[in-house]
Amino acid sequence: MIKVKLAYHDGALTYIKVSGHANSDEYGKDLVCAGVSTIIVGVYNTLEKLGMLEIGTFKVKEGLAEFTIHKITRESQLILETLVTTLETIEMSYGDFIQIQKMEE
């Protein structure tokens, strides 16, 4: 199961943690894992390309992605909310393999 933890402060996304493996199919055929990995890496690459990595700390490795946002900007929030919306879309279809938890700090 992929677990997603999202933390908001005053309506702004300040923390994202995605951990685990979907195990929805055998290695190389796991569409849930592929979808989640693609959006995480895509968002990270977008932030890097736009020179926005200074907004926080980012850790991406096998089975774990963790973003802690220290500097809230309109642009970065739009990009990060795209990540959230995509993960929620995956959860709607594959809820047995991904679980999203939101909290307000």
PDB file of N, CA and C in Angstrom:
ATOM      1  N   MET A   1       0.844  -1.180   0.000  1.00  0.00           N
ATOM      2  CA  MET A   1       0.000   0.000   0.000  1.00  0.00           C
ATOM      3  C   MET A   1       0.888   1.242   0.000  1.00  0.00           C
ATOM      4  N   ILE A   2       0.552   2.187  -0.872  1.00  0.00           N
ATOM      5  CA  ILE A   2       1.222   3.481  -0.874  1.00  0.00           C
ATOM      6  C   ILE A   2       0.460   4.381   0.085  1.00  0.00           C
ATOM      7  N   LYS A   3       1.186   5.007   0.992  1.00  0.00           N
ATOM      8  CA  LYS A   3       0.567   5.924   1.955  1.00  0.00           C
ATOM      9  C   LYS A   3       1.053   7.339   1.663  1.00  0.00           C
ATOM     10  N   VAL A   4       0.090   8.246   1.588  1.00  0.00           N
ATOM     11  CA  VAL A   4       0.386   9.645   1.312  1.00  0.00           C
ATOM     12  C   VAL A   4      -0.063  10.466   2.512  1.00  0.00           C
ATOM     13  N   LYS A   5       0.844  11.258   3.048  1.00  0.00           N
ATOM     14  CA  LYS A   5       0.501  12.179   4.137  1.00  0.00           C
ATOM     15  C   LYS A   5       0.705  13.600   3.632  1.00  0.00           C
ATOM     16  N   LEU A   6      -0.326  14.412   3.797  1.00  0.00           N
ATOM     17  CA  LEU A   6      -0.284  15.805   3.370  1.00  0.00           C
ATOM     18  C   LEU A   6      -0.577  16.689   4.568  1.00  0.00           C
ATOM     19  N   ALA A   7       0.232  17.710   4.768  1.00  0.00           N
ATOM     20  CA  ALA A   7      -0.008  18.649   5.865  1.00  0.00           C
ATOM     21  C   ALA A   7      -0.167  20.052   5.288  1.00  0.00           C
ATOM     22  N   TYR A   8      -1.155  20.748   5.814  1.00  0.00           N
ATOM     23  CA  TYR A   8      -1.454  22.116   5.390  1.00  0.00           C
ATOM     24  C   TYR A   8      -1.336  23.044   6.590  1.00  0.00           C
ATOM     25  N   HIS A   9      -0.907  24.278   6.326  1.00  0.00           N
ATOM     26  CA  HIS A   9      -0.880  25.320   7.356  1.00  0.00           C
ATOM     27  C   HIS A   9      -1.518  26.564   6.748  1.00  0.00           C
ATOM     28  N   ASP A  10      -2.599  27.014   7.355  1.00  0.00           N
ATOM     29  CA  ASP A  10      -3.354  28.165   6.832  1.00  0.00           C
ATOM     30  C   ASP A  10      -3.720  27.973   5.362  1.00  0.00           C
ATOM     31  N   GLY A  11      -4.080  26.754   4.997  1.00  0.00           N
ATOM     32  CA  GLY A  11      -4.511  26.455   3.640  1.00  0.00           C
ATOM     33  C   GLY A  11      -3.399  26.180   2.649  1.00  0.00           C
ATOM     34  N   ALA A  12      -2.148  26.361   3.054  1.00  0.00           N
ATOM     35  CA  ALA A  12      -1.014  26.119   2.157  1.00  0.00           C
ATOM     36  C   ALA A  12      -0.412  24.746   2.440  1.00  0.00           C
ATOM     37  N   LEU A  13      -0.087  24.031   1.382  1.00  0.00           N
ATOM     38  CA  LEU A  13       0.538  22.718   1.500  1.00  0.00           C
ATOM     39  C   LEU A  13       1.977  22.898   1.977  1.00  0.00           C
ATOM     40  N   THR A  14       2.317  22.291   3.110  1.00  0.00           N
ATOM     41  CA  THR A  14       3.649  22.467   3.692  1.00  0.00           C
ATOM     42  C   THR A  14       4.448  21.168   3.797  1.00  0.00           C
ATOM     43  N   TYR A  15       3.791  20.023   3.626  1.00  0.00           N
ATOM     44  CA  TYR A  15       4.496  18.748   3.791  1.00  0.00           C
ATOM     45  C   TYR A  15       3.802  17.669   2.972  1.00  0.00           C
ATOM     46  N   ILE A  16       4.604  16.901   2.261  1.00  0.00           N
ATOM     47  CA  ILE A  16       4.114  15.757   1.488  1.00  0.00           C
ATOM     48  C   ILE A  16       5.043  14.589   1.775  1.00  0.00           C
ATOM     49  N   LYS A  17       4.466  13.461   2.144  1.00  0.00           N
ATOM     50  CA  LYS A  17       5.253  12.236   2.297  1.00  0.00           C
ATOM     51  C   LYS A  17       4.510  11.120   1.586  1.00  0.00           C
ATOM     52  N   VAL A  18       5.194  10.472   0.666  1.00  0.00           N
ATOM     53  CA  VAL A  18       4.645   9.332  -0.065  1.00  0.00           C
ATOM     54  C   VAL A  18       5.575   8.163   0.202  1.00  0.00           C
ATOM     55  N   SER A  19       5.029   7.084   0.781  1.00  0.00           N
ATOM     56  CA  SER A  19       5.880   5.952   1.132  1.00  0.00           C
ATOM     57  C   SER A  19       5.192   4.631   0.817  1.00  0.00           C
ATOM     58  N   GLY A  20       6.012   3.625   0.637  1.00  0.00           N
ATOM     59  CA  GLY A  20       5.503   2.283   0.404  1.00  0.00           C
ATOM     60  C   GLY A  20       5.444   1.908  -1.064  1.00  0.00           C
ATOM     61  N   HIS A  21       4.867   0.749  -1.300  1.00  0.00           N
ATOM     62  CA  HIS A  21       4.719   0.210  -2.650  1.00  0.00           C
ATOM     63  C   HIS A  21       3.282  -0.254  -2.834  1.00  0.00           C
ATOM     64  N   ALA A  22       2.751  -0.061  -4.021  1.00  0.00           N
ATOM     65  CA  ALA A  22       1.356  -0.424  -4.286  1.00  0.00           C
ATOM     66  C   ALA A  22       1.166  -1.939  -4.316  1.00  0.00           C
ATOM     67  N   ASN A  23       2.092  -2.646  -4.942  1.00  0.00           N
ATOM     68  CA  ASN A  23       1.967  -4.097  -5.127  1.00  0.00           C
ATOM     69  C   ASN A  23       0.644  -4.467  -5.791  1.00  0.00           C
ATOM     70  N   SER A  24       0.226  -3.645  -6.759  1.00  0.00           N
ATOM     71  CA  SER A  24      -1.024  -3.932  -7.466  1.00  0.00           C
ATOM     72  C   SER A  24      -0.828  -4.940  -8.592  1.00  0.00           C
ATOM     73  N   ASP A  25       0.426  -5.207  -8.930  1.00  0.00           N
ATOM     74  CA  ASP A  25       0.746  -6.198  -9.956  1.00  0.00           C
ATOM     75  C   ASP A  25       2.217  -6.563  -9.778  1.00  0.00           C
ATOM     76  N   GLU A  26       2.700  -7.479 -10.582  1.00  0.00           N
ATOM     77  CA  GLU A  26       4.093  -7.884 -10.475  1.00  0.00           C
ATOM     78  C   GLU A  26       5.016  -6.739 -10.895  1.00  0.00           C
ATOM     79  N   TYR A  27       6.264  -6.820 -10.451  1.00  0.00           N
ATOM     80  CA  TYR A  27       7.250  -5.792 -10.754  1.00  0.00           C
ATOM     81  C   TYR A  27       7.306  -5.556 -12.263  1.00  0.00           C
ATOM     82  N   GLY A  28       7.291  -4.298 -12.641  1.00  0.00           N
ATOM     83  CA  GLY A  28       7.330  -3.935 -14.053  1.00  0.00           C
ATOM     84  C   GLY A  28       5.963  -3.788 -14.683  1.00  0.00           C
ATOM     85  N   LYS A  29       4.913  -4.234 -13.983  1.00  0.00           N
ATOM     86  CA  LYS A  29       3.548  -4.132 -14.507  1.00  0.00           C
ATOM     87  C   LYS A  29       2.617  -3.407 -13.536  1.00  0.00           C
ATOM     88  N   ASP A  30       3.176  -2.830 -12.497  1.00  0.00           N
ATOM     89  CA  ASP A  30       2.397  -2.168 -11.454  1.00  0.00           C
ATOM     90  C   ASP A  30       2.064  -0.743 -11.896  1.00  0.00           C
ATOM     91  N   LEU A  31       0.865  -0.556 -12.447  1.00  0.00           N
ATOM     92  CA  LEU A  31       0.465   0.744 -12.978  1.00  0.00           C
ATOM     93  C   LEU A  31       0.274   1.793 -11.888  1.00  0.00           C
ATOM     94  N   VAL A  32      -0.167   1.385 -10.715  1.00  0.00           N
ATOM     95  CA  VAL A  32      -0.348   2.341  -9.616  1.00  0.00           C
ATOM     96  C   VAL A  32       1.007   2.905  -9.201  1.00  0.00           C
ATOM     97  N   CYS A  33       1.958   2.040  -8.996  1.00  0.00           N
ATOM     98  CA  CYS A  33       3.301   2.472  -8.614  1.00  0.00           C
ATOM     99  C   CYS A  33       3.912   3.352  -9.713  1.00  0.00           C
ATOM    100  N   ALA A  34       3.726   2.959 -10.954  1.00  0.00           N
ATOM    101  CA  ALA A  34       4.264   3.736 -12.073  1.00  0.00           C
ATOM    102  C   ALA A  34       3.641   5.124 -12.128  1.00  0.00           C
ATOM    103  N   GLY A  35       2.336   5.207 -11.933  1.00  0.00           N
ATOM    104  CA  GLY A  35       1.657   6.499 -11.966  1.00  0.00           C
ATOM    105  C   GLY A  35       2.110   7.415 -10.848  1.00  0.00           C
ATOM    106  N   VAL A  36       2.188   6.877  -9.642  1.00  0.00           N
ATOM    107  CA  VAL A  36       2.610   7.672  -8.483  1.00  0.00           C
ATOM    108  C   VAL A  36       4.063   8.122  -8.660  1.00  0.00           C
ATOM    109  N   SER A  37       4.925   7.219  -9.069  1.00  0.00           N
ATOM    110  CA  SER A  37       6.334   7.568  -9.273  1.00  0.00           C
ATOM    111  C   SER A  37       6.493   8.640 -10.339  1.00  0.00           C
ATOM    112  N   THR A  38       5.731   8.524 -11.410  1.00  0.00           N
ATOM    113  CA  THR A  38       5.823   9.483 -12.510  1.00  0.00           C
ATOM    114  C   THR A  38       5.441  10.885 -12.069  1.00  0.00           C
ATOM    115  N   ILE A  39       4.340  11.036 -11.344  1.00  0.00           N
ATOM    116  CA  ILE A  39       3.922  12.377 -10.933  1.00  0.00           C
ATOM    117  C   ILE A  39       4.893  12.962  -9.907  1.00  0.00           C
ATOM    118  N   ILE A  40       5.425  12.149  -9.018  1.00  0.00           N
ATOM    119  CA  ILE A  40       6.380  12.666  -8.028  1.00  0.00           C
ATOM    120  C   ILE A  40       7.648  13.163  -8.713  1.00  0.00           C
ATOM    121  N   VAL A  41       8.216  12.348  -9.572  1.00  0.00           N
ATOM    122  CA  VAL A  41       9.443  12.742 -10.267  1.00  0.00           C
ATOM    123  C   VAL A  41       9.165  13.927 -11.192  1.00  0.00           C
ATOM    124  N   GLY A  42       8.015  13.932 -11.849  1.00  0.00           N
ATOM    125  CA  GLY A  42       7.658  15.046 -12.726  1.00  0.00           C
ATOM    126  C   GLY A  42       7.541  16.363 -11.981  1.00  0.00           C
ATOM    127  N   VAL A  43       6.911  16.347 -10.820  1.00  0.00           N
ATOM    128  CA  VAL A  43       6.781  17.569 -10.017  1.00  0.00           C
ATOM    129  C   VAL A  43       8.154  18.022  -9.517  1.00  0.00           C
ATOM    130  N   TYR A  44       8.959  17.099  -9.033  1.00  0.00           N
ATOM    131  CA  TYR A  44      10.312  17.450  -8.587  1.00  0.00           C
ATOM    132  C   TYR A  44      11.103  18.071  -9.737  1.00  0.00           C
ATOM    133  N   ASN A  45      11.063  17.444 -10.914  1.00  0.00           N
ATOM    134  CA  ASN A  45      11.794  17.958 -12.074  1.00  0.00           C
ATOM    135  C   ASN A  45      11.284  19.332 -12.496  1.00  0.00           C
ATOM    136  N   THR A  46       9.977  19.550 -12.398  1.00  0.00           N
ATOM    137  CA  THR A  46       9.407  20.857 -12.733  1.00  0.00           C
ATOM    138  C   THR A  46       9.916  21.927 -11.777  1.00  0.00           C
ATOM    139  N   LEU A  47       9.887  21.634 -10.481  1.00  0.00           N
ATOM    140  CA  LEU A  47      10.397  22.595  -9.498  1.00  0.00           C
ATOM    141  C   LEU A  47      11.879  22.893  -9.740  1.00  0.00           C
ATOM    142  N   GLU A  48      12.642  21.847 -10.066  1.00  0.00           N
ATOM    143  CA  GLU A  48      14.067  22.028 -10.340  1.00  0.00           C
ATOM    144  C   GLU A  48      14.274  22.882 -11.591  1.00  0.00           C
ATOM    145  N   LYS A  49      13.542  22.578 -12.649  1.00  0.00           N
ATOM    146  CA  LYS A  49      13.678  23.301 -13.918  1.00  0.00           C
ATOM    147  C   LYS A  49      13.342  24.781 -13.754  1.00  0.00           C
ATOM    148  N   LEU A  50      12.368  25.084 -12.899  1.00  0.00           N
ATOM    149  CA  LEU A  50      11.959  26.467 -12.672  1.00  0.00           C
ATOM    150  C   LEU A  50      12.796  27.159 -11.594  1.00  0.00           C
ATOM    151  N   GLY A  51      13.816  26.460 -11.079  1.00  0.00           N
ATOM    152  CA  GLY A  51      14.688  27.039 -10.064  1.00  0.00           C
ATOM    153  C   GLY A  51      13.995  27.247  -8.732  1.00  0.00           C
ATOM    154  N   MET A  52      13.060  26.354  -8.403  1.00  0.00           N
ATOM    155  CA  MET A  52      12.248  26.526  -7.205  1.00  0.00           C
ATOM    156  C   MET A  52      12.600  25.556  -6.081  1.00  0.00           C
ATOM    157  N   LEU A  53      13.691  24.841  -6.181  1.00  0.00           N
ATOM    158  CA  LEU A  53      14.027  23.873  -5.135  1.00  0.00           C
ATOM    159  C   LEU A  53      14.388  24.542  -3.814  1.00  0.00           C
ATOM    160  N   GLU A  54      14.677  25.845  -3.852  1.00  0.00           N
ATOM    161  CA  GLU A  54      15.005  26.548  -2.606  1.00  0.00           C
ATOM    162  C   GLU A  54      13.790  26.766  -1.716  1.00  0.00           C
ATOM    163  N   ILE A  55      12.587  26.433  -2.186  1.00  0.00           N
ATOM    164  CA  ILE A  55      11.382  26.622  -1.365  1.00  0.00           C
ATOM    165  C   ILE A  55      11.298  25.618  -0.222  1.00  0.00           C
ATOM    166  N   GLY A  56      12.110  24.555  -0.289  1.00  0.00           N
ATOM    167  CA  GLY A  56      12.013  23.536   0.756  1.00  0.00           C
ATOM    168  C   GLY A  56      13.095  22.492   0.642  1.00  0.00           C
ATOM    169  N   THR A  57      12.880  21.384   1.350  1.00  0.00           N
ATOM    170  CA  THR A  57      13.796  20.252   1.268  1.00  0.00           C
ATOM    171  C   THR A  57      13.058  19.092   0.617  1.00  0.00           C
ATOM    172  N   PHE A  58      13.773  18.376  -0.224  1.00  0.00           N
ATOM    173  CA  PHE A  58      13.165  17.317  -1.010  1.00  0.00           C
ATOM    174  C   PHE A  58      14.022  16.064  -0.921  1.00  0.00           C
ATOM    175  N   LYS A  59      13.377  14.949  -0.626  1.00  0.00           N
ATOM    176  CA  LYS A  59      14.057  13.663  -0.571  1.00  0.00           C
ATOM    177  C   LYS A  59      13.259  12.713  -1.460  1.00  0.00           C
ATOM    178  N   VAL A  60      13.909  12.144  -2.461  1.00  0.00           N
ATOM    179  CA  VAL A  60      13.250  11.180  -3.342  1.00  0.00           C
ATOM    180  C   VAL A  60      14.178   9.983  -3.480  1.00  0.00           C
ATOM    181  N   LYS A  61      13.695   8.818  -3.054  1.00  0.00           N
ATOM    182  CA  LYS A  61      14.472   7.590  -3.204  1.00  0.00           C
ATOM    183  C   LYS A  61      13.488   6.428  -3.319  1.00  0.00           C
ATOM    184  N   GLU A  62      13.984   5.242  -3.477  1.00  0.00           N
ATOM    185  CA  GLU A  62      13.152   4.045  -3.628  1.00  0.00           C
ATOM    186  C   GLU A  62      12.145   3.925  -2.492  1.00  0.00           C
ATOM    187  N   GLY A  63      10.876   3.946  -2.838  1.00  0.00           N
ATOM    188  CA  GLY A  63       9.820   3.736  -1.851  1.00  0.00           C
ATOM    189  C   GLY A  63       9.512   4.914  -0.946  1.00  0.00           C
ATOM    190  N   LEU A  64      10.143   6.084  -1.199  1.00  0.00           N
ATOM    191  CA  LEU A  64       9.903   7.245  -0.339  1.00  0.00           C
ATOM    192  C   LEU A  64      10.129   8.546  -1.096  1.00  0.00           C
ATOM    193  N   ALA A  65       9.179   9.440  -0.954  1.00  0.00           N
ATOM    194  CA  ALA A  65       9.344  10.825  -1.411  1.00  0.00           C
ATOM    195  C   ALA A  65       8.853  11.705  -0.275  1.00  0.00           C
ATOM    196  N   GLU A  66       9.665  12.686   0.084  1.00  0.00           N
ATOM    197  CA  GLU A  66       9.303  13.565   1.188  1.00  0.00           C
ATOM    198  C   GLU A  66       9.658  15.000   0.810  1.00  0.00           C
ATOM    199  N   PHE A  67       8.657  15.860   0.794  1.00  0.00           N
ATOM    200  CA  PHE A  67       8.838  17.271   0.469  1.00  0.00           C
ATOM    201  C   PHE A  67       8.403  18.084   1.684  1.00  0.00           C
ATOM    202  N   THR A  68       9.286  18.916   2.195  1.00  0.00           N
ATOM    203  CA  THR A  68       8.949  19.845   3.273  1.00  0.00           C
ATOM    204  C   THR A  68       9.089  21.252   2.713  1.00  0.00           C
ATOM    205  N   ILE A  69       8.003  21.996   2.711  1.00  0.00           N
ATOM    206  CA  ILE A  69       7.970  23.310   2.086  1.00  0.00           C
ATOM    207  C   ILE A  69       8.172  24.381   3.158  1.00  0.00           C
ATOM    208  N   HIS A  70       9.225  25.192   2.980  1.00  0.00           N
ATOM    209  CA  HIS A  70       9.540  26.251   3.939  1.00  0.00           C
ATOM    210  C   HIS A  70       9.108  27.623   3.434  1.00  0.00           C
ATOM    211  N   LYS A  71       9.105  27.781   2.129  1.00  0.00           N
ATOM    212  CA  LYS A  71       8.772  29.074   1.520  1.00  0.00           C
ATOM    213  C   LYS A  71       7.547  28.879   0.625  1.00  0.00           C
ATOM    214  N   ILE A  72       6.442  29.475   1.019  1.00  0.00           N
ATOM    215  CA  ILE A  72       5.189  29.323   0.280  1.00  0.00           C
ATOM    216  C   ILE A  72       5.132  30.369  -0.828  1.00  0.00           C
ATOM    217  N   THR A  73       4.990  29.898  -2.062  1.00  0.00           N
ATOM    218  CA  THR A  73       4.768  30.809  -3.188  1.00  0.00           C
ATOM    219  C   THR A  73       3.545  30.325  -3.954  1.00  0.00           C
ATOM    220  N   ARG A  74       2.888  31.242  -4.627  1.00  0.00           N
ATOM    221  CA  ARG A  74       1.699  30.889  -5.408  1.00  0.00           C
ATOM    222  C   ARG A  74       2.039  29.835  -6.464  1.00  0.00           C
ATOM    223  N   GLU A  75       3.159  30.047  -7.152  1.00  0.00           N
ATOM    224  CA  GLU A  75       3.554  29.140  -8.229  1.00  0.00           C
ATOM    225  C   GLU A  75       3.858  27.740  -7.708  1.00  0.00           C
ATOM    226  N   SER A  76       4.607  27.661  -6.616  1.00  0.00           N
ATOM    227  CA  SER A  76       4.954  26.336  -6.091  1.00  0.00           C
ATOM    228  C   SER A  76       3.712  25.619  -5.568  1.00  0.00           C
ATOM    229  N   GLN A  77       2.789  26.352  -4.971  1.00  0.00           N
ATOM    230  CA  GLN A  77       1.556  25.733  -4.477  1.00  0.00           C
ATOM    231  C   GLN A  77       0.733  25.160  -5.628  1.00  0.00           C
ATOM    232  N   LEU A  78       0.682  25.866  -6.752  1.00  0.00           N
ATOM    233  CA  LEU A  78      -0.041  25.345  -7.920  1.00  0.00           C
ATOM    234  C   LEU A  78       0.577  24.039  -8.407  1.00  0.00           C
ATOM    235  N   ILE A  79       1.897  24.004  -8.457  1.00  0.00           N
ATOM    236  CA  ILE A  79       2.588  22.791  -8.904  1.00  0.00           C
ATOM    237  C   ILE A  79       2.346  21.648  -7.919  1.00  0.00           C
ATOM    238  N   LEU A  80       2.468  21.922  -6.628  1.00  0.00           N
ATOM    239  CA  LEU A  80       2.275  20.880  -5.617  1.00  0.00           C
ATOM    240  C   LEU A  80       0.824  20.412  -5.554  1.00  0.00           C
ATOM    241  N   GLU A  81      -0.129  21.314  -5.760  1.00  0.00           N
ATOM    242  CA  GLU A  81      -1.535  20.904  -5.764  1.00  0.00           C
ATOM    243  C   GLU A  81      -1.856  20.041  -6.986  1.00  0.00           C
ATOM    244  N   THR A  82      -1.104  20.217  -8.070  1.00  0.00           N
ATOM    245  CA  THR A  82      -1.245  19.319  -9.217  1.00  0.00           C
ATOM    246  C   THR A  82      -0.862  17.902  -8.810  1.00  0.00           C
ATOM    247  N   LEU A  83       0.197  17.778  -8.028  1.00  0.00           N
ATOM    248  CA  LEU A  83       0.599  16.476  -7.489  1.00  0.00           C
ATOM    249  C   LEU A  83      -0.523  15.879  -6.654  1.00  0.00           C
ATOM    250  N   VAL A  84      -1.096  16.674  -5.760  1.00  0.00           N
ATOM    251  CA  VAL A  84      -2.170  16.192  -4.883  1.00  0.00           C
ATOM    252  C   VAL A  84      -3.382  15.753  -5.696  1.00  0.00           C
ATOM    253  N   THR A  85      -3.794  16.563  -6.654  1.00  0.00           N
ATOM    254  CA  THR A  85      -4.963  16.228  -7.477  1.00  0.00           C
ATOM    255  C   THR A  85      -4.734  14.936  -8.248  1.00  0.00           C
ATOM    256  N   THR A  86      -3.534  14.755  -8.771  1.00  0.00           N
ATOM    257  CA  THR A  86      -3.224  13.527  -9.510  1.00  0.00           C
ATOM    258  C   THR A  86      -3.246  12.316  -8.585  1.00  0.00           C
ATOM    259  N   LEU A  87      -2.671  12.441  -7.398  1.00  0.00           N
ATOM    260  CA  LEU A  87      -2.703  11.335  -6.437  1.00  0.00           C
ATOM    261  C   LEU A  87      -4.141  11.008  -6.021  1.00  0.00           C
ATOM    262  N   GLU A  88      -4.974  12.032  -5.833  1.00  0.00           N
ATOM    263  CA  GLU A  88      -6.383  11.802  -5.488  1.00  0.00           C
ATOM    264  C   GLU A  88      -7.119  11.094  -6.620  1.00  0.00           C
ATOM    265  N   THR A  89      -6.780  11.425  -7.849  1.00  0.00           N
ATOM    266  CA  THR A  89      -7.385  10.766  -9.007  1.00  0.00           C
ATOM    267  C   THR A  89      -6.999   9.293  -9.043  1.00  0.00           C
ATOM    268  N   ILE A  90      -5.745   8.995  -8.763  1.00  0.00           N
ATOM    269  CA  ILE A  90      -5.297   7.599  -8.701  1.00  0.00           C
ATOM    270  C   ILE A  90      -6.020   6.878  -7.567  1.00  0.00           C
ATOM    271  N   GLU A  91      -6.161   7.533  -6.420  1.00  0.00           N
ATOM    272  CA  GLU A  91      -6.835   6.918  -5.271  1.00  0.00           C
ATOM    273  C   GLU A  91      -8.293   6.583  -5.590  1.00  0.00           C
ATOM    274  N   MET A  92      -8.965   7.428  -6.367  1.00  0.00           N
ATOM    275  CA  MET A  92     -10.369   7.161  -6.715  1.00  0.00           C
ATOM    276  C   MET A  92     -10.528   5.837  -7.454  1.00  0.00           C
ATOM    277  N   SER A  93      -9.585   5.519  -8.309  1.00  0.00           N
ATOM    278  CA  SER A  93      -9.676   4.286  -9.093  1.00  0.00           C
ATOM    279  C   SER A  93      -8.982   3.097  -8.442  1.00  0.00           C
ATOM    280  N   TYR A  94      -7.980   3.363  -7.628  1.00  0.00           N
ATOM    281  CA  TYR A  94      -7.155   2.287  -7.073  1.00  0.00           C
ATOM    282  C   TYR A  94      -7.006   2.421  -5.558  1.00  0.00           C
ATOM    283  N   GLY A  95      -8.107   2.695  -4.874  1.00  0.00           N
ATOM    284  CA  GLY A  95      -8.101   2.924  -3.433  1.00  0.00           C
ATOM    285  C   GLY A  95      -7.595   1.761  -2.597  1.00  0.00           C
ATOM    286  N   ASP A  96      -7.572   0.569  -3.161  1.00  0.00           N
ATOM    287  CA  ASP A  96      -7.030  -0.580  -2.427  1.00  0.00           C
ATOM    288  C   ASP A  96      -5.502  -0.537  -2.345  1.00  0.00           C
ATOM    289  N   PHE A  97      -4.888   0.336  -3.148  1.00  0.00           N
ATOM    290  CA  PHE A  97      -3.432   0.350  -3.251  1.00  0.00           C
ATOM    291  C   PHE A  97      -2.790   1.677  -2.844  1.00  0.00           C
ATOM    292  N   ILE A  98      -3.602   2.711  -2.631  1.00  0.00           N
ATOM    293  CA  ILE A  98      -3.082   4.019  -2.240  1.00  0.00           C
ATOM    294  C   ILE A  98      -4.069   4.671  -1.278  1.00  0.00           C
ATOM    295  N   GLN A  99      -3.530   5.262  -0.223  1.00  0.00           N
ATOM    296  CA  GLN A  99      -4.355   5.905   0.799  1.00  0.00           C
ATOM    297  C   GLN A  99      -3.772   7.286   1.086  1.00  0.00           C
ATOM    298  N   ILE A 100      -4.642   8.313   1.044  1.00  0.00           N
ATOM    299  CA  ILE A 100      -4.213   9.690   1.275  1.00  0.00           C
ATOM    300  C   ILE A 100      -4.790  10.188   2.589  1.00  0.00           C
ATOM    301  N   GLN A 101      -3.928  10.777   3.396  1.00  0.00           N
ATOM    302  CA  GLN A 101      -4.338  11.355   4.681  1.00  0.00           C
ATOM    303  C   GLN A 101      -3.955  12.832   4.674  1.00  0.00           C
ATOM    304  N   LYS A 102      -4.940  13.699   4.942  1.00  0.00           N
ATOM    305  CA  LYS A 102      -4.690  15.142   5.004  1.00  0.00           C
ATOM    306  C   LYS A 102      -4.845  15.617   6.438  1.00  0.00           C
ATOM    307  N   MET A 103      -3.984  16.573   6.820  1.00  0.00           N
ATOM    308  CA  MET A 103      -4.091  17.146   8.160  1.00  0.00           C
ATOM    309  C   MET A 103      -3.753  18.633   8.102  1.00  0.00           C
ATOM    310  N   GLU A 104      -4.317  19.365   9.016  1.00  0.00           N
ATOM    311  CA  GLU A 104      -4.039  20.796   9.148  1.00  0.00           C
ATOM    312  C   GLU A 104      -3.103  20.970  10.335  1.00  0.00           C
ATOM    313  N   GLU A 105      -2.035  21.716  10.141  1.00  0.00           N
ATOM    314  CA  GLU A 105      -1.071  21.964  11.231  1.00  0.00           C
ATOM    315  C   GLU A 105      -1.476  23.190  12.014  1.00  0.00           C
TER     316      GLU A 105
END
